[in-house]
């Protein structure tokens, strides 16, 4: 019986395997879109239908690059020929799909039957379009980046924006913002100390899921450049304490925002203790300026001013005290000369043979003293020890005893050359005779140019005073008269004002060749030769360059050159003559009412032209200072430096741009004056 049952079971099982199983049809109702981004939801609609009743487990898998993961599984029963819809959602979240992305499809299956969707792409990319206004920036500037961010599926991104400034692989700066409906705007300021150079500006857009993990993201890079900006200027001395007779060595060093040196140029000005400019030159930064300090320069502090890229630096150096003297033995005489820069006050040891004597020497700077040696008749070895420096000679001496006495006069080192000394005395005697002779002349007949005409006219000096010369010049058509009421033409003029500050003391000074009187006569003659009208008001002499006389409306250049010529003429005179002219020169521009008459030039100043011109000339110290108006007119010709004095802006001339042409004019000017 048992064997018979086993046989029946085997037959039934064989029949089961031989009969086909019932199948189900799986229909995909809606194909997915071509592209999805992380965070999107894919709706899945499937219809199941079977010709016979069937039950089982219905599943759906996400398949990407031959990898799959199940996202739907449910038991299901189908009645024969009755379709059944299954609706599901695939959320593209990393918790569900993990790292799946790329080309994918959805596969649905029931028992041995399945259906597959079209391929689609799962992406985590965001595309970015950004706008920046420029690519070069200064420190402390800000960069504004705006733009649009779209997921690869074409929908606007919503998330975060980040600006990152990279130097190589290192992050220098970063700033975060938000992305709303695909739009972003983010600003990042550069610090003051950011290093100059090339940087990479990365704009990164990203989205996050609920857990804070980054889902979709993208970035775009732009190259930017941070400029090297001068921020500090330093004056560097080789040594800040200078021994007289050597040179001060100084250079300007320019630094950028991070302390890195910049190769550029700087104007270096050396001023003495009295603020007088001793040297002014443009030098490359780091290049040393050497300026010699005279051996007898006073032990004071001098100033160096450096200017570069609107930065100004000032620093002092000190001239050291140097007490020093030279000793010469000339025949029976010791000559001691102070070649230091302070009074020489030392005890000098003198040995005559075997006997030692002391000289208590006190000499002002550059002063020489003569000491006479005596001793019983004979040849002696004389040795002088000053400052540890020994000077010796063999000298034939006479006298009753060994001694050294100070000579009654101090004639310096010229004692070595008696013939030269006699020649100089003869010249001085001749000069004294000429001055004496001229001082007693009752009249003086001279000649002066009468302006543009070039004719000659005589004038009577009446004692030859500077004041009379000023009054006498400017006769005829070049003589200017100030009128309180005048009918004439309005003219824009260039005006030179020469203020002779010591006119009162020069009034009674002797005249003659080389005198202040003579030089003032030359000054006015040259102004007349350039068609200037001359007007005098006490210490002030006005030279007016008016179009009605010069026949041109461009008089600024001529006025500049003449003013420089007048300065050079007076400087040359002051260097060579004891009779100094203390002066100031102003250069101004303004309007007047003018009328040229046969015997004079009549004018009336408008506004503050006259008063301003006088004030600037009074401020000027043996120099030319310009007003702001004429500086604007000459801006293409000269480089200037602004000064604020007595509540007024004035401008000194630092450089003439067309230097060759200007110097040629001045050479011809000086040559003409020497005739």
Foldseek 3Di string as FASTA:
>chain_A
DVVVVVVVVVVVVVVVVVDDDWDKDKAWPDFFDQEAEAQDKTKTKIKIATQAKDKFKKWKWKAAPNDIDTDDIDIDIHHHGDIDMDIDMDHRYCVRVNPGWAWIWMWIDTDPDIDIHDIHTYAQEKDKDKDWPDFEEEAQAKIKIKTFIADPVGWGDWAKKKKFKADVPDTDDMDIDTADRGIDMDMDHGHLQDDWFKIKIKIKDFHADPVRDTTHIDIDIDIHTYDFAWDAKDKDWPALEAEAQFKTKIFMWTATSNRHTDWDKKWKWKAQPVRDTPDIDIDIGPDIDIDHGHQQDAFAKIKMWIDDPNHIDMDIGTHDWDFDWDWDCDAQKIKIFTSHNAWHFDWKWKDWANDIDIDGDTGGHGFMWIKGWAADFDWTWMWIADPNDIDIDIHGHHDDHTDIGTDPDTDHPCVVPVVVVVVVVVVVVVVVVVLVVQQPDQWDWDWFAQAQVRDIDIDTCRQLFLVSLLVGPQWWQLEEDEDPDDDADKWKKKKKKKFQPVSVVRRNPHDDPLAPSLLSNLLRRVLRNQQWRWYDDVRIIMTIGTCVRNVDNPCLVVVVLSQVLSLVSLVVSQVPDPNHGWIFMEIEIDIWGWDGDRTYIYIHGPDCRVVVRVVRGVVGTSFYKYAPVSCVVCVVFFDWDWDQDPNGIIIGTDDGPPVVVSVVSSVVSVVVSVD
